Amino acid sequence: MWNYNFYLYITTNTSKNTLYIGVTDDLTRRLQEHEANKGNPITFAGKYYCHHLIYYERHTHIEYAIAREKEIKKWRREKKVALVKTINPEVLFLNREVIEA
């Protein structure tokens, strides 16, 4: 069986007061799309300028990534922030780290 990469990710805006949770098979491309859409009122991430990556998980099956996305979207904000801090304690923007990898 082939190994694939699917990513659950969380982005935020500059002031870190809005979170966006999504799934993609190409994290670099998706972050570039969020950057290009910032300020676009048609999309949630664009409307709220959520283009700064603060968390991601890699999954090998899309079903797992989607299930995880649905699970996390149901959580309260405090629990989401606690999850982010498990790998990113200072809640730094990780875009450059991912794009340059």
Protein backbone atom coordinates (compact mmCIF):
# COMPACT_ATOMS: atom_id res chain seq x y z
CA MET A 1 0.00 0.00 0.00
CA TRP A 2 1.19 3.50 -0.81
CA ASN A 3 1.99 5.96 1.93
CA TYR A 4 0.36 9.31 1.42
CA ASN A 5 0.61 12.56 3.32
CA PHE A 6 -2.47 14.38 4.47
CA TYR A 7 -2.33 17.23 6.92
CA LEU A 8 -4.71 18.54 9.50
CA TYR A 9 -3.65 22.13 10.16
CA ILE A 10 -4.60 25.18 12.19
CA THR A 11 -3.99 28.73 11.04
CA THR A 12 -4.68 32.02 12.75
CA ASN A 13 -4.55 35.74 12.07
CA THR A 14 -1.84 38.17 13.16
CA SER A 15 -3.58 38.95 16.46
CA LYS A 16 -4.22 35.22 17.09
CA ASN A 17 -7.88 35.76 17.94
CA THR A 18 -9.40 33.56 15.19
CA LEU A 19 -8.56 29.94 14.40
CA TYR A 20 -9.11 28.11 11.13
CA ILE A 21 -8.90 24.31 10.96
CA GLY A 22 -8.48 22.50 7.67
CA VAL A 23 -7.18 19.42 5.85
CA THR A 24 -4.95 19.25 2.78
CA ASP A 25 -2.68 16.90 0.89
CA ASP A 26 -0.15 19.67 0.17
CA LEU A 27 0.49 21.92 3.16
CA THR A 28 2.88 24.28 1.38
CA ARG A 29 0.44 24.89 -1.48
CA ARG A 30 -2.49 25.34 0.90
CA LEU A 31 -0.61 27.92 2.97
CA GLN A 32 0.21 29.82 -0.21
CA GLU A 33 -3.49 29.75 -1.13
CA HIS A 34 -4.44 31.12 2.30
CA GLU A 35 -1.84 33.87 1.89
CA ALA A 36 -3.22 34.76 -1.56
CA ASN A 37 -6.80 34.82 -0.22
CA LYS A 38 -6.18 37.04 2.80
CA GLY A 39 -8.82 39.72 2.98
CA ASN A 40 -11.16 37.82 0.63
CA PRO A 41 -14.61 38.00 2.28
CA ILE A 42 -15.85 34.93 0.37
CA THR A 43 -13.74 32.48 2.41
CA PHE A 44 -13.61 32.19 6.21
CA ALA A 45 -9.81 32.07 6.32
CA GLY A 46 -9.60 34.98 3.89
CA LYS A 47 -12.19 37.11 5.65
CA TYR A 48 -10.43 36.72 9.00
CA TYR A 49 -6.86 36.78 7.61
CA CYS A 50 -6.11 33.28 8.92
CA HIS A 51 -2.95 32.55 6.96
CA HIS A 52 -0.41 32.01 9.76
CA LEU A 53 0.23 28.31 10.45
CA ILE A 54 0.45 27.45 14.14
CA TYR A 55 -0.19 23.67 14.19
CA TYR A 56 -0.23 20.65 11.92
CA GLU A 57 -0.44 16.87 12.06
CA ARG A 58 0.52 14.42 9.31
CA HIS A 59 -1.75 11.49 8.53
CA THR A 60 -1.32 8.71 5.98
CA HIS A 61 -5.05 8.27 5.29
CA ILE A 62 -7.42 11.07 4.32
CA GLU A 63 -10.18 9.50 6.41
CA TYR A 64 -8.10 9.90 9.57
CA ALA A 65 -7.26 13.52 8.78
CA ILE A 66 -10.91 14.38 8.11
CA ALA A 67 -12.07 12.61 11.27
CA ARG A 68 -9.48 14.51 13.29
CA GLU A 69 -10.57 17.81 11.71
CA LYS A 70 -14.19 17.14 12.66
CA GLU A 71 -13.16 16.18 16.18
CA ILE A 72 -11.08 19.31 16.78
CA LYS A 73 -13.68 21.66 15.26
CA LYS A 74 -16.08 20.58 18.02
CA TRP A 75 -13.66 21.54 20.78
CA ARG A 76 -13.78 24.75 22.77
CA ARG A 77 -11.12 27.32 21.92
CA GLU A 78 -9.17 26.64 25.13
CA LYS A 79 -8.71 22.98 24.20
CA LYS A 80 -7.62 23.91 20.66
CA VAL A 81 -5.02 26.33 22.01
CA ALA A 82 -3.78 23.68 24.43
CA LEU A 83 -3.35 21.29 21.49
CA VAL A 84 -1.38 23.90 19.55
CA LYS A 85 0.88 24.46 22.56
CA THR A 86 1.79 20.74 22.70
CA ILE A 87 4.06 21.27 19.67
CA ASN A 88 4.26 25.07 19.54
CA PRO A 89 4.36 26.36 23.15
CA GLU A 90 4.93 29.99 22.15
CA VAL A 91 2.32 29.84 19.36
CA LEU A 92 4.83 31.00 16.77
CA PHE A 93 3.97 31.25 13.08
CA LEU A 94 5.35 28.14 11.37
CA ASN A 95 4.79 29.04 7.70
CA ARG A 96 8.47 29.58 6.88
CA GLU A 97 9.46 26.34 8.62
CA VAL A 98 7.01 24.32 6.48
CA ILE A 99 7.60 26.11 3.18
CA GLU A 100 11.40 25.85 3.46
CA ALA A 101 11.32 22.15 4.45
